[in-house]
Amino acid sequence: MIRQIYKNDIQAMLPSSELYSDPNGVIEVLINEMGFDDDEKFASALGLPVTTVGQLRRKAIKLEPRLLLQMLEISDFSTWELRNLVVARRIRLH
């Protein structure tokens, strides 16, 4: 029960938006803005295997709130700043 409450609290902290349904957008923004050269360095900073980043890119696994918060922690971006960066990336691509 405590775990479910914690998960609900994390989800409540994150903006409810379709933006995070595109893990590539979030990953690309963080890699570019933070100066990582590739997925391997990004995965290393998160303490994840590089295969996990690949799975996120292929949408084989969901970008869970815990992982998104981990990404935000290493980036020092607020959720608002990250949202704006992802929106700007989408606008540039379309």
PDB file of N, CA and C in Angstrom:
ATOM      1  N   MET A   1       0.825  -1.194   0.000  1.00  0.00           N
ATOM      2  CA  MET A   1       0.000   0.000   0.000  1.00  0.00           C
ATOM      3  C   MET A   1       0.870   1.259   0.000  1.00  0.00           C
ATOM      4  N   ILE A   2       1.923   1.265   0.807  1.00  0.00           N
ATOM      5  CA  ILE A   2       2.798   2.440   0.849  1.00  0.00           C
ATOM      6  C   ILE A   2       3.434   2.669  -0.512  1.00  0.00           C
ATOM      7  N   ARG A   3       3.860   1.565  -1.169  1.00  0.00           N
ATOM      8  CA  ARG A   3       4.464   1.681  -2.496  1.00  0.00           C
ATOM      9  C   ARG A   3       3.490   2.320  -3.484  1.00  0.00           C
ATOM     10  N   GLN A   4       2.209   1.935  -3.426  1.00  0.00           N
ATOM     11  CA  GLN A   4       1.205   2.502  -4.329  1.00  0.00           C
ATOM     12  C   GLN A   4       1.002   3.984  -4.044  1.00  0.00           C
ATOM     13  N   ILE A   5       0.973   4.359  -2.772  1.00  0.00           N
ATOM     14  CA  ILE A   5       0.834   5.776  -2.417  1.00  0.00           C
ATOM     15  C   ILE A   5       2.017   6.557  -2.953  1.00  0.00           C
ATOM     16  N   TYR A   6       3.238   6.013  -2.790  1.00  0.00           N
ATOM     17  CA  TYR A   6       4.452   6.663  -3.282  1.00  0.00           C
ATOM     18  C   TYR A   6       4.383   6.847  -4.798  1.00  0.00           C
ATOM     19  N   LYS A   7       3.955   5.791  -5.509  1.00  0.00           N
ATOM     20  CA  LYS A   7       3.836   5.866  -6.965  1.00  0.00           C
ATOM     21  C   LYS A   7       2.823   6.932  -7.363  1.00  0.00           C
ATOM     22  N   ASN A   8       1.702   6.993  -6.666  1.00  0.00           N
ATOM     23  CA  ASN A   8       0.692   8.009  -6.959  1.00  0.00           C
ATOM     24  C   ASN A   8       1.229   9.407  -6.702  1.00  0.00           C
ATOM     25  N   ASP A   9       2.018   9.572  -5.634  1.00  0.00           N
ATOM     26  CA  ASP A   9       2.620  10.876  -5.337  1.00  0.00           C
ATOM     27  C   ASP A   9       3.568  11.306  -6.442  1.00  0.00           C
ATOM     28  N   ILE A  10       4.385  10.367  -6.919  1.00  0.00           N
ATOM     29  CA  ILE A  10       5.318  10.687  -8.005  1.00  0.00           C
ATOM     30  C   ILE A  10       4.538  11.091  -9.249  1.00  0.00           C
ATOM     31  N   GLN A  11       3.512  10.326  -9.592  1.00  0.00           N
ATOM     32  CA  GLN A  11       2.733  10.645 -10.784  1.00  0.00           C
ATOM     33  C   GLN A  11       2.039  11.988 -10.645  1.00  0.00           C
ATOM     34  N   ALA A  12       1.628  12.341  -9.445  1.00  0.00           N
ATOM     35  CA  ALA A  12       0.976  13.630  -9.228  1.00  0.00           C
ATOM     36  C   ALA A  12       1.959  14.780  -9.408  1.00  0.00           C
ATOM     37  N   MET A  13       3.245  14.533  -9.134  1.00  0.00           N
ATOM     38  CA  MET A  13       4.260  15.575  -9.280  1.00  0.00           C
ATOM     39  C   MET A  13       4.554  15.891 -10.744  1.00  0.00           C
ATOM     40  N   LEU A  14       4.356  14.907 -11.605  1.00  0.00           N
ATOM     41  CA  LEU A  14       4.700  15.082 -13.012  1.00  0.00           C
ATOM     42  C   LEU A  14       3.540  15.704 -13.764  1.00  0.00           C
ATOM     43  N   PRO A  15       3.846  16.529 -14.752  1.00  0.00           N
ATOM     44  CA  PRO A  15       2.770  17.109 -15.538  1.00  0.00           C
ATOM     45  C   PRO A  15       2.031  16.020 -16.303  1.00  0.00           C
ATOM     46  N   SER A  16       0.730  16.103 -16.314  1.00  0.00           N
ATOM     47  CA  SER A  16      -0.030  15.132 -17.095  1.00  0.00           C
ATOM     48  C   SER A  16      -0.015  15.626 -18.531  1.00  0.00           C
ATOM     49  N   SER A  17       0.749  14.954 -19.347  1.00  0.00           N
ATOM     50  CA  SER A  17       0.937  15.424 -20.707  1.00  0.00           C
ATOM     51  C   SER A  17       1.314  14.266 -21.609  1.00  0.00           C
ATOM     52  N   GLU A  18       0.947  14.385 -22.861  1.00  0.00           N
ATOM     53  CA  GLU A  18       1.328  13.400 -23.866  1.00  0.00           C
ATOM     54  C   GLU A  18       2.821  13.458 -24.150  1.00  0.00           C
ATOM     55  N   LEU A  19       3.473  14.534 -23.731  1.00  0.00           N
ATOM     56  CA  LEU A  19       4.889  14.711 -24.056  1.00  0.00           C
ATOM     57  C   LEU A  19       5.733  13.547 -23.589  1.00  0.00           C
ATOM     58  N   TYR A  20       5.399  12.999 -22.450  1.00  0.00           N
ATOM     59  CA  TYR A  20       6.226  11.944 -21.899  1.00  0.00           C
ATOM     60  C   TYR A  20       5.901  10.588 -22.499  1.00  0.00           C
ATOM     61  N   SER A  21       4.918  10.520 -23.389  1.00  0.00           N
ATOM     62  CA  SER A  21       4.645   9.270 -24.081  1.00  0.00           C
ATOM     63  C   SER A  21       5.639   9.076 -25.216  1.00  0.00           C
ATOM     64  N   ASP A  22       6.447  10.092 -25.486  1.00  0.00           N
ATOM     65  CA  ASP A  22       7.497   9.994 -26.498  1.00  0.00           C
ATOM     66  C   ASP A  22       8.849   9.982 -25.794  1.00  0.00           C
ATOM     67  N   PRO A  23       9.301   8.799 -25.366  1.00  0.00           N
ATOM     68  CA  PRO A  23      10.562   8.754 -24.643  1.00  0.00           C
ATOM     69  C   PRO A  23      11.737   9.247 -25.468  1.00  0.00           C
ATOM     70  N   ASN A  24      11.678   9.074 -26.794  1.00  0.00           N
ATOM     71  CA  ASN A  24      12.774   9.575 -27.630  1.00  0.00           C
ATOM     72  C   ASN A  24      12.925  11.072 -27.496  1.00  0.00           C
ATOM     73  N   GLY A  25      11.809  11.784 -27.425  1.00  0.00           N
ATOM     74  CA  GLY A  25      11.872  13.234 -27.276  1.00  0.00           C
ATOM     75  C   GLY A  25      12.550  13.635 -25.985  1.00  0.00           C
ATOM     76  N   VAL A  26      12.166  12.970 -24.908  1.00  0.00           N
ATOM     77  CA  VAL A  26      12.758  13.276 -23.606  1.00  0.00           C
ATOM     78  C   VAL A  26      14.240  12.917 -23.611  1.00  0.00           C
ATOM     79  N   ILE A  27      14.567  11.724 -24.109  1.00  0.00           N
ATOM     80  CA  ILE A  27      15.963  11.275 -24.138  1.00  0.00           C
ATOM     81  C   ILE A  27      16.806  12.187 -25.016  1.00  0.00           C
ATOM     82  N   GLU A  28      16.320  12.511 -26.209  1.00  0.00           N
ATOM     83  CA  GLU A  28      17.086  13.364 -27.124  1.00  0.00           C
ATOM     84  C   GLU A  28      17.343  14.740 -26.524  1.00  0.00           C
ATOM     85  N   VAL A  29      16.324  15.316 -25.916  1.00  0.00           N
ATOM     86  CA  VAL A  29      16.486  16.639 -25.299  1.00  0.00           C
ATOM     87  C   VAL A  29      17.543  16.581 -24.204  1.00  0.00           C
ATOM     88  N   LEU A  30      17.453  15.595 -23.346  1.00  0.00           N
ATOM     89  CA  LEU A  30      18.415  15.505 -22.250  1.00  0.00           C
ATOM     90  C   LEU A  30      19.828  15.241 -22.760  1.00  0.00           C
ATOM     91  N   ILE A  31      19.974  14.354 -23.740  1.00  0.00           N
ATOM     92  CA  ILE A  31      21.306  14.075 -24.298  1.00  0.00           C
ATOM     93  C   ILE A  31      21.883  15.336 -24.927  1.00  0.00           C
ATOM     94  N   ASN A  32      21.085  16.036 -25.710  1.00  0.00           N
ATOM     95  CA  ASN A  32      21.578  17.244 -26.392  1.00  0.00           C
ATOM     96  C   ASN A  32      21.858  18.379 -25.423  1.00  0.00           C
ATOM     97  N   GLU A  33      20.937  18.651 -24.529  1.00  0.00           N
ATOM     98  CA  GLU A  33      21.077  19.788 -23.625  1.00  0.00           C
ATOM     99  C   GLU A  33      22.172  19.581 -22.580  1.00  0.00           C
ATOM    100  N   MET A  34      22.426  18.338 -22.234  1.00  0.00           N
ATOM    101  CA  MET A  34      23.428  18.062 -21.211  1.00  0.00           C
ATOM    102  C   MET A  34      24.790  17.724 -21.802  1.00  0.00           C
ATOM    103  N   GLY A  35      24.874  17.668 -23.122  1.00  0.00           N
ATOM    104  CA  GLY A  35      26.157  17.451 -23.778  1.00  0.00           C
ATOM    105  C   GLY A  35      26.649  16.011 -23.786  1.00  0.00           C
ATOM    106  N   PHE A  36      25.758  15.053 -23.579  1.00  0.00           N
ATOM    107  CA  PHE A  36      26.175  13.653 -23.707  1.00  0.00           C
ATOM    108  C   PHE A  36      26.392  13.355 -25.184  1.00  0.00           C
ATOM    109  N   ASP A  37      27.413  12.561 -25.478  1.00  0.00           N
ATOM    110  CA  ASP A  37      27.720  12.227 -26.869  1.00  0.00           C
ATOM    111  C   ASP A  37      26.813  11.141 -27.423  1.00  0.00           C
ATOM    112  N   ASP A  38      26.373  10.243 -26.571  1.00  0.00           N
ATOM    113  CA  ASP A  38      25.610   9.101 -27.062  1.00  0.00           C
ATOM    114  C   ASP A  38      24.794   8.465 -25.938  1.00  0.00           C
ATOM    115  N   ASP A  39      24.039   7.444 -26.311  1.00  0.00           N
ATOM    116  CA  ASP A  39      23.185   6.741 -25.352  1.00  0.00           C
ATOM    117  C   ASP A  39      23.998   6.096 -24.233  1.00  0.00           C
ATOM    118  N   GLU A  40      25.202   5.624 -24.562  1.00  0.00           N
ATOM    119  CA  GLU A  40      26.009   4.917 -23.564  1.00  0.00           C
ATOM    120  C   GLU A  40      26.381   5.833 -22.396  1.00  0.00           C
ATOM    121  N   LYS A  41      26.804   7.051 -22.702  1.00  0.00           N
ATOM    122  CA  LYS A  41      27.168   7.995 -21.640  1.00  0.00           C
ATOM    123  C   LYS A  41      25.933   8.416 -20.843  1.00  0.00           C
ATOM    124  N   PHE A  42      24.829   8.568 -21.538  1.00  0.00           N
ATOM    125  CA  PHE A  42      23.569   8.921 -20.878  1.00  0.00           C
ATOM    126  C   PHE A  42      23.142   7.807 -19.923  1.00  0.00           C
ATOM    127  N   ALA A  43      23.190   6.570 -20.408  1.00  0.00           N
ATOM    128  CA  ALA A  43      22.821   5.421 -19.580  1.00  0.00           C
ATOM    129  C   ALA A  43      23.739   5.316 -18.368  1.00  0.00           C
ATOM    130  N   SER A  44      25.013   5.561 -18.586  1.00  0.00           N
ATOM    131  CA  SER A  44      25.981   5.496 -17.492  1.00  0.00           C
ATOM    132  C   SER A  44      25.669   6.537 -16.414  1.00  0.00           C
ATOM    133  N   ALA A  45      25.303   7.745 -16.826  1.00  0.00           N
ATOM    134  CA  ALA A  45      24.960   8.805 -15.869  1.00  0.00           C
ATOM    135  C   ALA A  45      23.734   8.432 -15.044  1.00  0.00           C
ATOM    136  N   LEU A  46      22.832   7.674 -15.653  1.00  0.00           N
ATOM    137  CA  LEU A  46      21.621   7.236 -14.949  1.00  0.00           C
ATOM    138  C   LEU A  46      21.851   5.957 -14.152  1.00  0.00           C
ATOM    139  N   GLY A  47      22.998   5.313 -14.375  1.00  0.00           N
ATOM    140  CA  GLY A  47      23.261   4.044 -13.702  1.00  0.00           C
ATOM    141  C   GLY A  47      22.448   2.908 -14.285  1.00  0.00           C
ATOM    142  N   LEU A  48      22.168   3.003 -15.592  1.00  0.00           N
ATOM    143  CA  LEU A  48      21.366   1.994 -16.280  1.00  0.00           C
ATOM    144  C   LEU A  48      22.202   1.307 -17.350  1.00  0.00           C
ATOM    145  N   PRO A  49      21.830   0.084 -17.719  1.00  0.00           N
ATOM    146  CA  PRO A  49      22.480  -0.525 -18.877  1.00  0.00           C
ATOM    147  C   PRO A  49      22.050   0.213 -20.145  1.00  0.00           C
ATOM    148  N   VAL A  50      22.951   0.298 -21.112  1.00  0.00           N
ATOM    149  CA  VAL A  50      22.635   1.006 -22.350  1.00  0.00           C
ATOM    150  C   VAL A  50      21.452   0.350 -23.068  1.00  0.00           C
ATOM    151  N   THR A  51      21.246  -0.943 -22.841  1.00  0.00           N
ATOM    152  CA  THR A  51      20.112  -1.626 -23.471  1.00  0.00           C
ATOM    153  C   THR A  51      18.779  -1.053 -22.996  1.00  0.00           C
ATOM    154  N   THR A  52      18.738  -0.547 -21.766  1.00  0.00           N
ATOM    155  CA  THR A  52      17.504   0.056 -21.254  1.00  0.00           C
ATOM    156  C   THR A  52      17.157   1.312 -22.036  1.00  0.00           C
ATOM    157  N   VAL A  53      18.159   2.130 -22.356  1.00  0.00           N
ATOM    158  CA  VAL A  53      17.912   3.330 -23.160  1.00  0.00           C
ATOM    159  C   VAL A  53      17.409   2.916 -24.539  1.00  0.00           C
ATOM    160  N   GLY A  54      17.993   1.868 -25.104  1.00  0.00           N
ATOM    161  CA  GLY A  54      17.527   1.356 -26.392  1.00  0.00           C
ATOM    162  C   GLY A  54      16.088   0.882 -26.326  1.00  0.00           C
ATOM    163  N   GLN A  55      15.731   0.208 -25.238  1.00  0.00           N
ATOM    164  CA  GLN A  55      14.354  -0.263 -25.070  1.00  0.00           C
ATOM    165  C   GLN A  55      13.388   0.910 -24.939  1.00  0.00           C
ATOM    166  N   LEU A  56      13.816   1.957 -24.247  1.00  0.00           N
ATOM    167  CA  LEU A  56      12.977   3.157 -24.141  1.00  0.00           C
ATOM    168  C   LEU A  56      12.765   3.773 -25.517  1.00  0.00           C
ATOM    169  N   ARG A  57      13.820   3.844 -26.302  1.00  0.00           N
ATOM    170  CA  ARG A  57      13.715   4.429 -27.645  1.00  0.00           C
ATOM    171  C   ARG A  57      12.744   3.649 -28.526  1.00  0.00           C
ATOM    172  N   ARG A  58      12.781   2.328 -28.413  1.00  0.00           N
ATOM    173  CA  ARG A  58      11.892   1.482 -29.227  1.00  0.00           C
ATOM    174  C   ARG A  58      10.501   1.360 -28.613  1.00  0.00           C
ATOM    175  N   LYS A  59      10.307   2.005 -27.471  1.00  0.00           N
ATOM    176  CA  LYS A  59       9.053   1.937 -26.717  1.00  0.00           C
ATOM    177  C   LYS A  59       8.733   0.516 -26.282  1.00  0.00           C
ATOM    178  N   ALA A  60       9.789  -0.298 -26.108  1.00  0.00           N
ATOM    179  CA  ALA A  60       9.612  -1.656 -25.609  1.00  0.00           C
ATOM    180  C   ALA A  60       9.285  -1.628 -24.117  1.00  0.00           C
ATOM    181  N   ILE A  61       9.736  -0.568 -23.443  1.00  0.00           N
ATOM    182  CA  ILE A  61       9.375  -0.360 -22.042  1.00  0.00           C
ATOM    183  C   ILE A  61       8.887   1.075 -21.895  1.00  0.00           C
ATOM    184  N   LYS A  62       8.029   1.288 -20.905  1.00  0.00           N
ATOM    185  CA  LYS A  62       7.478   2.629 -20.670  1.00  0.00           C
ATOM    186  C   LYS A  62       8.477   3.493 -19.921  1.00  0.00           C
ATOM    187  N   LEU A  63       8.393   4.785 -20.156  1.00  0.00           N
ATOM    188  CA  LEU A  63       9.176   5.743 -19.389  1.00  0.00           C
ATOM    189  C   LEU A  63       8.432   5.953 -18.074  1.00  0.00           C
ATOM    190  N   GLU A  64       8.823   5.192 -17.065  1.00  0.00           N
ATOM    191  CA  GLU A  64       8.153   5.221 -15.768  1.00  0.00           C
ATOM    192  C   GLU A  64       8.466   6.521 -15.031  1.00  0.00           C
ATOM    193  N   PRO A  65       7.573   6.956 -14.149  1.00  0.00           N
ATOM    194  CA  PRO A  65       7.812   8.186 -13.391  1.00  0.00           C
ATOM    195  C   PRO A  65       9.139   8.183 -12.629  1.00  0.00           C
ATOM    196  N   ARG A  66       9.502   7.036 -12.055  1.00  0.00           N
ATOM    197  CA  ARG A  66      10.756   6.961 -11.306  1.00  0.00           C
ATOM    198  C   ARG A  66      11.950   7.266 -12.211  1.00  0.00           C
ATOM    199  N   LEU A  67      11.938   6.714 -13.414  1.00  0.00           N
ATOM    200  CA  LEU A  67      13.038   6.935 -14.351  1.00  0.00           C
ATOM    201  C   LEU A  67      13.046   8.378 -14.846  1.00  0.00           C
ATOM    202  N   LEU A  68      11.882   8.937 -15.069  1.00  0.00           N
ATOM    203  CA  LEU A  68      11.800  10.338 -15.479  1.00  0.00           C
ATOM    204  C   LEU A  68      12.354  11.244 -14.381  1.00  0.00           C
ATOM    205  N   LEU A  69      12.011  10.954 -13.140  1.00  0.00           N
ATOM    206  CA  LEU A  69      12.554  11.746 -12.034  1.00  0.00           C
ATOM    207  C   LEU A  69      14.068  11.604 -11.947  1.00  0.00           C
ATOM    208  N   GLN A  70      14.569  10.399 -12.198  1.00  0.00           N
ATOM    209  CA  GLN A  70      16.012  10.176 -12.216  1.00  0.00           C
ATOM    210  C   GLN A  70      16.664  11.040 -13.302  1.00  0.00           C
ATOM    211  N   MET A  71      16.042  11.099 -14.462  1.00  0.00           N
ATOM    212  CA  MET A  71      16.558  11.925 -15.556  1.00  0.00           C
ATOM    213  C   MET A  71      16.546  13.401 -15.165  1.00  0.00           C
ATOM    214  N   LEU A  72      15.478  13.814 -14.517  1.00  0.00           N
ATOM    215  CA  LEU A  72      15.392  15.207 -14.081  1.00  0.00           C
ATOM    216  C   LEU A  72      16.468  15.528 -13.047  1.00  0.00           C
ATOM    217  N   GLU A  73      16.752  14.578 -12.171  1.00  0.00           N
ATOM    218  CA  GLU A  73      17.770  14.803 -11.142  1.00  0.00           C
ATOM    219  C   GLU A  73      19.153  15.009 -11.738  1.00  0.00           C
ATOM    220  N   ILE A  74      19.521  14.211 -12.739  1.00  0.00           N
ATOM    221  CA  ILE A  74      20.861  14.376 -13.312  1.00  0.00           C
ATOM    222  C   ILE A  74      20.940  15.608 -14.197  1.00  0.00           C
ATOM    223  N   SER A  75      19.791  16.112 -14.627  1.00  0.00           N
ATOM    224  CA  SER A  75      19.793  17.257 -15.541  1.00  0.00           C
ATOM    225  C   SER A  75      19.663  18.593 -14.829  1.00  0.00           C
ATOM    226  N   ASP A  76      19.094  18.608 -13.652  1.00  0.00           N
ATOM    227  CA  ASP A  76      18.782  19.841 -12.928  1.00  0.00           C
ATOM    228  C   ASP A  76      17.728  20.687 -13.630  1.00  0.00           C
ATOM    229  N   PHE A  77      17.005  20.115 -14.596  1.00  0.00           N
ATOM    230  CA  PHE A  77      15.883  20.814 -15.215  1.00  0.00           C
ATOM    231  C   PHE A  77      14.657  20.629 -14.335  1.00  0.00           C
ATOM    232  N   SER A  78      13.786  21.618 -14.348  1.00  0.00           N
ATOM    233  CA  SER A  78      12.482  21.427 -13.714  1.00  0.00           C
ATOM    234  C   SER A  78      11.595  20.703 -14.723  1.00  0.00           C
ATOM    235  N   THR A  79      10.469  20.175 -14.261  1.00  0.00           N
ATOM    236  CA  THR A  79       9.558  19.528 -15.206  1.00  0.00           C
ATOM    237  C   THR A  79       9.067  20.535 -16.235  1.00  0.00           C
ATOM    238  N   TRP A  80       8.890  21.774 -15.821  1.00  0.00           N
ATOM    239  CA  TRP A  80       8.439  22.830 -16.734  1.00  0.00           C
ATOM    240  C   TRP A  80       9.488  23.076 -17.819  1.00  0.00           C
ATOM    241  N   GLU A  81      10.765  23.167 -17.417  1.00  0.00           N
ATOM    242  CA  GLU A  81      11.835  23.388 -18.397  1.00  0.00           C
ATOM    243  C   GLU A  81      11.946  22.210 -19.358  1.00  0.00           C
ATOM    244  N   LEU A  82      11.864  20.997 -18.824  1.00  0.00           N
ATOM    245  CA  LEU A  82      11.951  19.819 -19.686  1.00  0.00           C
ATOM    246  C   LEU A  82      10.782  19.783 -20.656  1.00  0.00           C
ATOM    247  N   ARG A  83       9.599  20.090 -20.179  1.00  0.00           N
ATOM    248  CA  ARG A  83       8.425  20.117 -21.058  1.00  0.00           C
ATOM    249  C   ARG A  83       8.643  21.109 -22.196  1.00  0.00           C
ATOM    250  N   ASN A  84       9.131  22.308 -21.866  1.00  0.00           N
ATOM    251  CA  ASN A  84       9.371  23.316 -22.902  1.00  0.00           C
ATOM    252  C   ASN A  84      10.422  22.868 -23.905  1.00  0.00           C
ATOM    253  N   LEU A  85      11.468  22.208 -23.442  1.00  0.00           N
ATOM    254  CA  LEU A  85      12.506  21.707 -24.346  1.00  0.00           C
ATOM    255  C   LEU A  85      11.963  20.630 -25.275  1.00  0.00           C
ATOM    256  N   VAL A  86      11.117  19.741 -24.737  1.00  0.00           N
ATOM    257  CA  VAL A  86      10.527  18.689 -25.562  1.00  0.00           C
ATOM    258  C   VAL A  86       9.566  19.298 -26.581  1.00  0.00           C
ATOM    259  N   VAL A  87       8.785  20.289 -26.165  1.00  0.00           N
ATOM    260  CA  VAL A  87       7.875  20.971 -27.096  1.00  0.00           C
ATOM    261  C   VAL A  87       8.674  21.658 -28.199  1.00  0.00           C
ATOM    262  N   ALA A  88       9.749  22.344 -27.835  1.00  0.00           N
ATOM    263  CA  ALA A  88      10.582  23.021 -28.833  1.00  0.00           C
ATOM    264  C   ALA A  88      11.165  22.013 -29.818  1.00  0.00           C
ATOM    265  N   ARG A  89      11.570  20.847 -29.333  1.00  0.00           N
ATOM    266  CA  ARG A  89      12.101  19.802 -30.221  1.00  0.00           C
ATOM    267  C   ARG A  89      11.021  19.337 -31.188  1.00  0.00           C
ATOM    268  N   ARG A  90       9.810  19.127 -30.683  1.00  0.00           N
ATOM    269  CA  ARG A  90       8.712  18.681 -31.559  1.00  0.00           C
ATOM    270  C   ARG A  90       8.399  19.717 -32.635  1.00  0.00           C
ATOM    271  N   ILE A  91       8.430  20.985 -32.253  1.00  0.00           N
ATOM    272  CA  ILE A  91       8.144  22.054 -33.218  1.00  0.00           C
ATOM    273  C   ILE A  91       9.213  22.075 -34.303  1.00  0.00           C
ATOM    274  N   ARG A  92      10.484  21.918 -33.906  1.00  0.00           N
ATOM    275  CA  ARG A  92      11.577  21.904 -34.892  1.00  0.00           C
ATOM    276  C   ARG A  92      11.445  20.736 -35.850  1.00  0.00           C
ATOM    277  N   LEU A  93      10.963  19.590 -35.369  1.00  0.00           N
ATOM    278  CA  LEU A  93      10.872  18.393 -36.202  1.00  0.00           C
ATOM    279  C   LEU A  93       9.656  18.399 -37.124  1.00  0.00           C
ATOM    280  N   HIS A  94       8.662  19.222 -36.813  1.00  0.00           N
ATOM    281  CA  HIS A  94       7.437  19.210 -37.642  1.00  0.00           C
ATOM    282  C   HIS A  94       7.357  20.409 -38.509  1.00  0.00           C
TER     283      HIS A  94
END
